[in-house]
Protein backbone atom coordinates (compact mmCIF):
# COMPACT_ATOMS: atom_id res chain seq x y z
CA UNK A 1 -47.72 1.10 17.56
CA UNK A 2 -43.97 0.82 17.25
CA UNK A 3 -42.37 0.77 13.85
CA UNK A 4 -39.16 -1.10 13.03
CA UNK A 5 -36.26 1.19 12.23
CA UNK A 6 -34.69 0.44 8.87
CA UNK A 7 -31.09 1.35 8.27
CA UNK A 8 -30.08 2.07 4.70
CA UNK A 9 -26.52 2.55 3.56
CA UNK A 10 -25.75 5.39 1.20
CA UNK A 11 -25.34 4.09 -2.35
CA UNK A 12 -21.78 5.39 -2.51
CA UNK A 13 -20.72 2.90 0.18
CA UNK A 14 -23.22 0.15 -0.51
CA UNK A 15 -20.51 -2.37 -1.40
CA UNK A 16 -17.81 -1.19 0.99
CA UNK A 17 -16.52 -3.55 3.66
CA UNK A 18 -13.44 -3.80 5.84
CA UNK A 19 -10.62 -5.00 3.59
CA UNK A 20 -9.99 -8.73 3.27
CA UNK A 21 -6.50 -8.14 4.65
CA UNK A 22 -7.88 -6.70 7.89
CA UNK A 23 -10.56 -9.39 8.08
CA UNK A 24 -7.93 -12.12 7.87
CA UNK A 25 -5.67 -10.44 10.41
CA UNK A 26 -8.59 -10.02 12.82
CA UNK A 27 -9.65 -13.64 12.38
CA UNK A 28 -6.08 -14.74 13.11
CA UNK A 29 -6.14 -12.62 16.27
CA UNK A 30 -9.41 -14.22 17.38
CA UNK A 31 -7.98 -17.70 16.83
CA UNK A 32 -4.91 -16.75 18.86
CA UNK A 33 -7.14 -15.53 21.69
CA UNK A 34 -8.79 -18.97 21.65
CA UNK A 35 -5.42 -20.62 22.19
CA UNK A 36 -4.46 -21.46 18.61
CA UNK A 37 -0.79 -21.03 17.64
CA UNK A 38 -1.50 -18.89 14.57
CA UNK A 39 1.18 -17.17 12.52
CA UNK A 40 -0.20 -14.23 10.53
CA UNK A 41 1.66 -12.89 7.51
CA UNK A 42 -1.40 -10.96 6.35
CA UNK A 43 -0.55 -7.37 7.25
CA UNK A 44 2.09 -4.99 5.94
CA UNK A 45 3.55 -3.91 9.23
CA UNK A 46 7.32 -4.05 9.89
CA UNK A 47 8.39 -5.89 13.02
CA UNK A 48 11.18 -3.36 13.60
CA UNK A 49 10.55 -0.86 16.42
CA UNK A 50 9.96 2.83 15.83
CA UNK A 51 13.44 4.43 16.13
CA UNK A 52 14.21 5.53 19.68
CA UNK A 53 15.01 9.12 18.73
CA UNK A 54 11.61 9.38 17.06
CA UNK A 55 9.80 8.25 20.20
CA UNK A 56 11.88 10.70 22.24
CA UNK A 57 10.95 13.55 19.90
CA UNK A 58 7.26 12.77 20.39
CA UNK A 59 7.73 12.72 24.17
CA UNK A 60 9.54 16.05 24.12
CA UNK A 61 6.83 17.60 21.94
CA UNK A 62 4.14 16.47 24.35
CA UNK A 63 6.06 17.81 27.36
CA UNK A 64 6.64 21.10 25.50
CA UNK A 65 2.89 21.59 25.13
CA UNK A 66 2.68 20.92 21.38
CA UNK A 67 -0.75 19.47 21.96
CA UNK A 68 -2.97 22.12 20.38
CA UNK A 69 -4.81 21.90 17.07
CA UNK A 70 -2.21 21.80 14.29
CA UNK A 71 -2.59 23.54 10.94
CA UNK A 72 -5.01 21.62 8.72
CA UNK A 73 -2.43 20.78 6.04
CA UNK A 74 0.43 20.05 8.44
CA UNK A 75 2.81 21.80 10.79
CA UNK A 76 5.10 24.29 9.03
CA UNK A 77 8.17 22.43 10.32
CA UNK A 78 7.15 19.07 8.90
CA UNK A 79 5.94 20.49 5.59
CA UNK A 80 9.27 22.29 5.17
CA UNK A 81 11.20 19.11 5.94
CA UNK A 82 9.19 17.08 3.42
CA UNK A 83 9.61 19.85 0.85
CA UNK A 84 13.37 19.96 1.41
CA UNK A 85 13.77 16.21 0.93
CA UNK A 86 11.74 16.34 -2.28
CA UNK A 87 13.04 19.64 -3.67
CA UNK A 88 9.64 21.35 -3.76
CA UNK A 89 7.98 24.27 -2.00
CA UNK A 90 6.17 23.68 1.28
CA UNK A 91 2.97 24.97 -0.35
CA UNK A 92 3.02 21.82 -2.49
CA UNK A 93 2.82 19.52 0.56
CA UNK A 94 -0.14 18.27 2.60
CA UNK A 95 0.30 16.14 5.72
CA UNK A 96 -2.52 13.71 6.50
CA UNK A 97 -3.53 11.00 8.93
CA UNK A 98 -1.75 8.29 6.97
CA UNK A 99 -1.13 7.88 3.25
CA UNK A 100 -4.61 6.36 2.89
CA UNK A 101 -6.16 9.71 3.80
CA UNK A 102 -4.03 11.39 1.13
CA UNK A 103 -5.55 9.02 -1.43
CA UNK A 104 -9.08 9.67 -0.18
CA UNK A 105 -8.54 13.43 -0.10
CA UNK A 106 -7.34 13.40 -3.71
CA UNK A 107 -10.24 11.33 -5.01
CA UNK A 108 -12.90 13.26 -3.08
CA UNK A 109 -11.41 16.56 -4.22
CA UNK A 110 -11.27 15.72 -7.91
CA UNK A 111 -13.73 13.03 -9.03
CA UNK A 112 -17.18 13.64 -10.43
CA UNK A 113 -19.64 10.72 -10.55
CA UNK A 114 -18.55 8.33 -13.29
CA UNK A 115 -15.01 9.66 -13.68
CA UNK A 116 -12.60 6.82 -14.38
CA UNK A 117 -9.43 5.92 -12.51
CA UNK A 118 -7.03 3.48 -14.16
CA UNK A 119 -5.30 1.03 -11.82
CA UNK A 120 -3.10 -1.89 -12.85
CA UNK A 121 -3.96 -5.11 -11.02
CA UNK A 122 -2.76 -6.37 -8.67
CA UNK A 123 -3.34 -3.18 -6.69
CA UNK A 124 -3.53 -2.33 -3.01
CA UNK A 125 -7.00 -3.30 -1.85
CA UNK A 126 -8.12 0.18 -0.76
CA UNK A 127 -7.56 1.82 -4.16
CA UNK A 128 -10.74 0.49 -5.70
CA UNK A 129 -12.93 1.18 -2.67
CA UNK A 130 -11.63 4.71 -2.22
CA UNK A 131 -12.42 5.50 -5.85
CA UNK A 132 -15.92 4.05 -5.49
CA UNK A 133 -16.49 5.99 -2.28
CA UNK A 134 -15.75 9.17 -4.26
CA UNK A 135 -18.29 7.98 -6.87
CA UNK A 136 -15.60 7.28 -9.44
CA UNK A 137 -15.19 4.14 -11.51
CA UNK A 138 -12.11 1.93 -11.18
CA UNK A 139 -10.77 0.79 -14.54
CA UNK A 140 -8.78 -2.32 -13.64
CA UNK A 141 -6.11 -3.57 -16.04
CA UNK A 142 -4.95 -7.08 -15.08
CA UNK A 143 -1.17 -7.36 -15.30
CA UNK A 144 -0.14 -10.98 -14.90
CA UNK A 145 3.10 -12.50 -13.76
CA UNK A 146 3.94 -12.92 -17.45
CA UNK A 147 3.72 -9.12 -17.71
CA UNK A 148 6.00 -8.81 -14.66
CA UNK A 149 2.88 -7.37 -12.99
CA UNK A 150 3.49 -4.08 -14.86
CA UNK A 151 1.32 -1.84 -16.99
CA UNK A 152 2.51 -1.40 -20.57
CA UNK A 153 2.20 1.88 -22.53
CA UNK A 154 0.00 0.14 -25.08
CA UNK A 155 -2.52 -1.04 -22.51
CA UNK A 156 -2.53 2.34 -20.82
CA UNK A 157 -3.28 4.02 -24.15
CA UNK A 158 -6.13 1.62 -24.85
CA UNK A 159 -7.72 2.25 -21.43
CA UNK A 160 -7.85 6.06 -21.60
CA UNK A 161 -11.18 7.69 -22.47
CA UNK A 162 -12.50 11.25 -22.14
CA UNK A 163 -13.81 10.28 -18.67
CA UNK A 164 -10.39 9.16 -17.40
CA UNK A 165 -9.18 11.40 -14.59
CA UNK A 166 -6.32 9.54 -12.93
CA UNK A 167 -3.75 6.79 -13.34
CA UNK A 168 -2.87 5.18 -9.99
CA UNK A 169 0.61 3.69 -10.00
CA UNK A 170 2.25 2.02 -6.99
CA UNK A 171 6.04 1.57 -7.13
CA UNK A 172 7.45 -0.27 -5.21
CA UNK A 173 4.23 -2.20 -5.38
CA UNK A 174 1.95 -3.69 -2.79
CA UNK A 175 1.41 -6.65 -3.25
CA UNK A 176 4.03 -7.63 -5.86
CA UNK A 177 7.06 -5.55 -4.86
CA UNK A 178 7.77 -4.61 -8.48
CA UNK A 179 9.52 -1.30 -9.18
CA UNK A 180 9.00 0.59 -12.42
CA UNK A 181 12.33 1.60 -13.93
CA UNK A 182 13.00 5.16 -15.08
CA UNK A 183 12.61 4.05 -18.69
CA UNK A 184 9.31 2.30 -17.98
CA UNK A 185 7.99 5.43 -16.28
CA UNK A 186 9.09 7.57 -19.21
CA UNK A 187 7.25 5.27 -21.62
CA UNK A 188 4.02 5.62 -19.63
CA UNK A 189 4.57 9.37 -19.38
CA UNK A 190 4.86 9.59 -23.17
CA UNK A 191 1.34 8.19 -23.42
CA UNK A 192 0.03 10.62 -20.83
CA UNK A 193 1.59 13.54 -22.67
CA UNK A 194 -1.00 12.92 -25.39
CA UNK A 195 -3.83 13.03 -22.83
CA UNK A 196 -3.52 16.21 -20.75
CA UNK A 197 -6.78 15.52 -18.89
CA UNK A 198 -5.26 12.50 -17.13
CA UNK A 199 -3.40 13.01 -13.85
CA UNK A 200 -0.98 10.64 -12.12
CA UNK A 201 -1.19 9.46 -8.52
CA UNK A 202 2.19 7.86 -7.77
CA UNK A 203 2.04 5.94 -4.51
CA UNK A 204 5.67 5.68 -3.33
CA UNK A 205 5.12 4.72 0.31
CA UNK A 206 7.69 1.89 -0.05
CA UNK A 207 10.31 4.16 -1.63
CA UNK A 208 13.07 3.34 0.86
CA UNK A 209 12.36 -0.40 0.90
CA UNK A 210 14.00 -1.22 -2.41
CA UNK A 211 16.37 -3.96 -3.54
CA UNK A 212 16.97 -2.49 -7.02
CA UNK A 213 17.26 1.13 -8.16
CA UNK A 214 14.19 3.23 -7.40
CA UNK A 215 13.17 6.31 -9.40
CA UNK A 216 10.30 8.54 -8.40
CA UNK A 217 7.65 9.16 -11.06
CA UNK A 218 8.20 12.89 -10.77
CA UNK A 219 11.96 12.50 -11.27
CA UNK A 220 11.56 10.33 -14.36
CA UNK A 221 8.75 12.44 -15.85
CA UNK A 222 9.25 16.06 -14.73
CA UNK A 223 7.20 17.23 -17.72
CA UNK A 224 4.09 15.88 -15.92
CA UNK A 225 4.85 17.56 -12.58
CA UNK A 226 1.89 19.93 -12.95
CA UNK A 227 -0.49 16.94 -12.86
CA UNK A 228 1.33 14.48 -10.61
CA UNK A 229 0.55 13.69 -6.98
CA UNK A 230 3.24 11.83 -5.05
CA UNK A 231 2.01 9.90 -2.01
CA UNK A 232 4.43 8.89 0.74
CA UNK A 233 4.82 8.70 4.52
CA UNK A 234 6.74 7.32 7.47
CA UNK A 235 4.70 4.19 8.17
CA UNK A 236 6.72 1.56 6.35
CA UNK A 237 10.35 2.72 6.18
CA UNK A 238 10.46 4.03 9.76
CA UNK A 239 8.14 1.42 11.32
CA UNK A 240 5.57 4.05 12.29
CA UNK A 241 2.32 2.45 11.13
CA UNK A 242 0.44 3.42 14.28
CA UNK A 243 1.61 7.04 14.22
CA UNK A 244 -0.60 7.63 11.15
CA UNK A 245 1.39 10.21 9.20
CA UNK A 246 1.43 10.35 5.40
CA UNK A 247 1.74 13.15 2.90
CA UNK A 248 0.98 14.25 -0.61
CA UNK A 249 3.17 16.36 -2.89
CA UNK A 250 1.52 18.01 -5.86
CA UNK A 251 0.42 21.22 -7.58
CA UNK A 252 -0.71 23.94 -5.18
CA UNK A 253 -4.29 24.02 -6.52
CA UNK A 254 -4.68 20.30 -5.88
CA UNK A 255 -3.12 20.54 -2.42
CA UNK A 256 -5.53 23.34 -1.49
CA UNK A 257 -8.51 21.29 -2.68
CA UNK A 258 -7.31 18.27 -0.71
CA UNK A 259 -6.84 20.52 2.33
CA UNK A 260 -10.46 21.66 2.02
CA UNK A 261 -11.59 18.04 2.14
CA UNK A 262 -9.31 17.21 5.05
CA UNK A 263 -10.50 20.25 6.96
CA UNK A 264 -14.02 18.85 7.03
CA UNK A 265 -13.03 15.28 7.86
CA UNK A 266 -10.19 15.22 10.37
CA UNK A 267 -8.57 18.67 10.35
CA UNK A 268 -4.82 18.44 10.95
CA UNK A 269 -3.02 15.19 11.70
CA UNK A 270 -1.93 14.51 15.29
CA UNK A 271 0.54 17.18 16.40
CA UNK A 272 2.64 14.73 18.44
CA UNK A 273 2.83 12.26 15.56
CA UNK A 274 3.93 15.09 13.25
CA UNK A 275 6.77 15.93 15.65
CA UNK A 276 7.79 12.28 15.53
CA UNK A 277 7.67 12.24 11.72
CA UNK A 278 9.86 15.36 11.63
CA UNK A 279 12.46 13.56 13.75
CA UNK A 280 12.30 10.54 11.45
CA UNK A 281 12.95 12.62 8.34
CA UNK A 282 15.68 14.84 9.79
CA UNK A 283 17.46 12.28 11.99
CA UNK A 284 20.02 9.58 11.26
CA UNK A 285 19.05 7.75 8.06
CA UNK A 286 21.52 4.85 8.34
CA UNK A 287 18.80 2.69 9.86
CA UNK A 288 17.09 2.61 6.44
CA UNK A 289 19.99 0.72 4.89
CA UNK A 290 20.29 -1.59 7.88
CA UNK A 291 16.63 -2.52 7.69
CA UNK A 292 16.72 -2.84 3.92
CA UNK A 293 19.50 -5.43 4.21
CA UNK A 294 17.52 -7.37 6.81
CA UNK A 295 14.46 -7.39 4.55
CA UNK A 296 16.57 -8.47 1.57
CA UNK A 297 17.74 -11.54 3.49
CA UNK A 298 14.15 -12.31 4.47
CA UNK A 299 13.00 -11.86 0.88
CA UNK A 300 15.57 -14.36 -0.38
CA UNK A 301 14.59 -16.87 2.29
CA UNK A 302 10.86 -16.59 1.52
CA UNK A 303 11.21 -16.67 -2.28
CA UNK A 304 13.52 -19.70 -2.18
CA UNK A 305 11.22 -21.57 0.19
CA UNK A 306 8.06 -20.86 -1.82
CA UNK A 307 9.68 -21.86 -5.10
CA UNK A 308 10.65 -25.20 -3.55
CA UNK A 309 6.97 -26.06 -2.95
CA UNK A 310 5.06 -28.03 -5.56
CA UNK A 311 2.61 -25.94 -7.57
CA UNK A 312 3.92 -22.58 -6.34
CA UNK A 313 5.92 -20.13 -8.43
CA UNK A 314 7.23 -16.96 -6.79
CA UNK A 315 9.07 -14.15 -8.59
CA UNK A 316 11.59 -12.17 -6.58
CA UNK A 317 10.17 -8.75 -5.57
CA UNK A 318 12.19 -5.61 -6.35
CA UNK A 319 11.13 -3.88 -3.14
CA UNK A 320 8.55 -3.53 -0.34
CA UNK A 321 8.19 -6.61 1.87
CA UNK A 322 5.72 -8.87 0.13
CA UNK A 323 5.95 -12.08 -1.88
CA UNK A 324 3.14 -12.60 -4.38
CA UNK A 325 3.45 -16.18 -5.63
CA UNK A 326 1.27 -17.83 -8.23
CA UNK A 327 -0.46 -20.70 -6.42
CA UNK A 328 -2.60 -22.04 -9.27
CA UNK A 329 -0.63 -25.29 -9.47
CA UNK A 330 -1.08 -25.96 -5.76
CA UNK A 331 -4.74 -25.02 -6.01
CA UNK A 332 -5.33 -27.45 -8.87
CA UNK A 333 -3.38 -30.29 -7.26
CA UNK A 334 -5.16 -29.78 -3.95
CA UNK A 335 -8.62 -29.46 -5.41
CA UNK A 336 -9.20 -25.86 -4.37
CA UNK A 337 -11.78 -23.88 -6.33
CA UNK A 338 -10.21 -20.49 -5.57
CA UNK A 339 -7.27 -18.75 -3.98
CA UNK A 340 -9.60 -17.65 -1.18
CA UNK A 341 -10.50 -21.27 -0.45
CA UNK A 342 -6.80 -22.19 -0.42
CA UNK A 343 -5.95 -19.40 2.04
CA UNK A 344 -8.90 -20.22 4.30
CA UNK A 345 -7.81 -23.88 4.37
CA UNK A 346 -4.23 -22.87 5.16
CA UNK A 347 -5.41 -20.85 8.15
CA UNK A 348 -7.68 -23.63 9.41
CA UNK A 349 -5.27 -26.54 8.88
CA UNK A 350 -1.78 -25.01 9.14
CA UNK A 351 -2.46 -22.02 11.39
CA UNK A 352 -0.92 -19.63 8.86
CA UNK A 353 -2.68 -16.52 7.54
CA UNK A 354 -1.87 -15.17 4.08
CA UNK A 355 -4.06 -13.08 1.78
CA UNK A 356 -5.69 -14.40 -1.43
CA UNK A 357 -4.82 -12.63 -4.65
CA UNK A 358 -8.46 -11.81 -5.34
CA UNK A 359 -8.21 -9.11 -2.64
CA UNK A 360 -5.74 -7.33 -4.92
CA UNK A 361 -7.66 -7.84 -8.15
CA UNK A 362 -5.58 -10.78 -9.43
CA UNK A 363 -6.89 -14.24 -8.41
CA UNK A 364 -4.67 -17.30 -8.52
CA UNK A 365 -2.04 -15.72 -6.30
CA UNK A 366 -1.52 -15.05 -2.60
CA UNK A 367 0.34 -12.35 -0.69
CA UNK A 368 2.71 -13.18 2.12
CA UNK A 369 4.35 -10.37 4.05
CA UNK A 370 7.94 -11.00 5.11
CA UNK A 371 8.03 -8.03 7.49
CA UNK A 372 8.24 -10.51 10.36
CA UNK A 373 11.00 -12.09 12.40
CA UNK A 374 13.15 -14.89 10.99
CA UNK A 375 11.80 -17.21 13.67
CA UNK A 376 8.21 -16.59 12.61
CA UNK A 377 9.03 -16.81 8.91
CA UNK A 378 10.93 -20.09 9.31
CA UNK A 379 8.08 -21.65 11.25
CA UNK A 380 5.43 -20.34 8.88
CA UNK A 381 7.22 -21.49 5.74
CA UNK A 382 7.65 -24.97 7.22
CA UNK A 383 3.94 -25.11 8.00
CA UNK A 384 2.97 -23.98 4.51
CA UNK A 385 5.33 -26.51 2.89
CA UNK A 386 3.98 -29.35 5.00
CA UNK A 387 0.37 -28.38 4.37
CA UNK A 388 0.83 -28.06 0.61
CA UNK A 389 2.66 -31.39 0.45
CA UNK A 390 -0.04 -33.14 2.48
CA UNK A 391 -2.78 -31.86 0.22
CA UNK A 392 -1.08 -32.31 -3.14
CA UNK A 393 0.37 -35.78 -2.41
CA UNK A 394 -2.92 -37.41 -1.46
């Protein structure tokens, strides 16, 4: 007699799914394949090409036979280059298969079941799931538009308990684009000085995509360097999302522990991609300013257009390439029960994909990436405006 095979997920991943961002992007792709003229502003992927000299460096590395297993924590050349840019020792650097793996390495290397990780909302969607996968507990602090989407020292203080292990801070932020000033970082650091058991994970992947002054957490709060992990990479600034290279900079003991995790998951990141990342870091940097200016113009276009639509209020982001408008007025006027319902309707009726704020822990908003061409943005904004007007003027 045959018995049915029952599959059971491990409890640590029982609630994990592919992120809502990816789900929306994949649905948009399916609709396109069916002949629909869909514009997707769901993903954070620059439309600029990977710089030519970076591609050439990868080609040369492959031809030179740099195709063997690399060192688990990164090639010596790339680690030295990252260290030089950040004024640290190479032993304080780990290179991973994307910044997301750096985050996962850190959580898996440090969290015990039930340890708490503070994250201001809105936050990047993967933060919460990565913490849960490591059997930690996300402690979400909603930071509304009235708060400028920023965590205050008072709310940080109130959230810390003996079980708190990390504060996750993303500046420039995905999805809001806000940048914490040096003074704001120092104020948070003053709180953390009173709680030496709490470490800081500063996700600075959008460092070079800034429209106001940017200060690294470690620069503003050097007194916390012995418990700070900086996360960065080449994906966003250098348009290298598919190359999958990110890195972490932190105390040697932490880097070694993260390396132990990485060694049992992926080993070293792709050797060819590391050669490309080395070329990106050590080559001509003028392209960063050129691309920043292009994104600034796109930001202004998108923010102005969204603010002209009834029921939508959009603050101007300090950096990154996302707008995160409040859409509660449009939701109410259009009879939508949730931001997810609004975004689903927009995709079905206007052929435009944007991501509901609930995916980032702050409902009532939506995220629109402006890392797309002016032609696409102009068309998409016109579609959104027409759709909102048709629904709210019934």
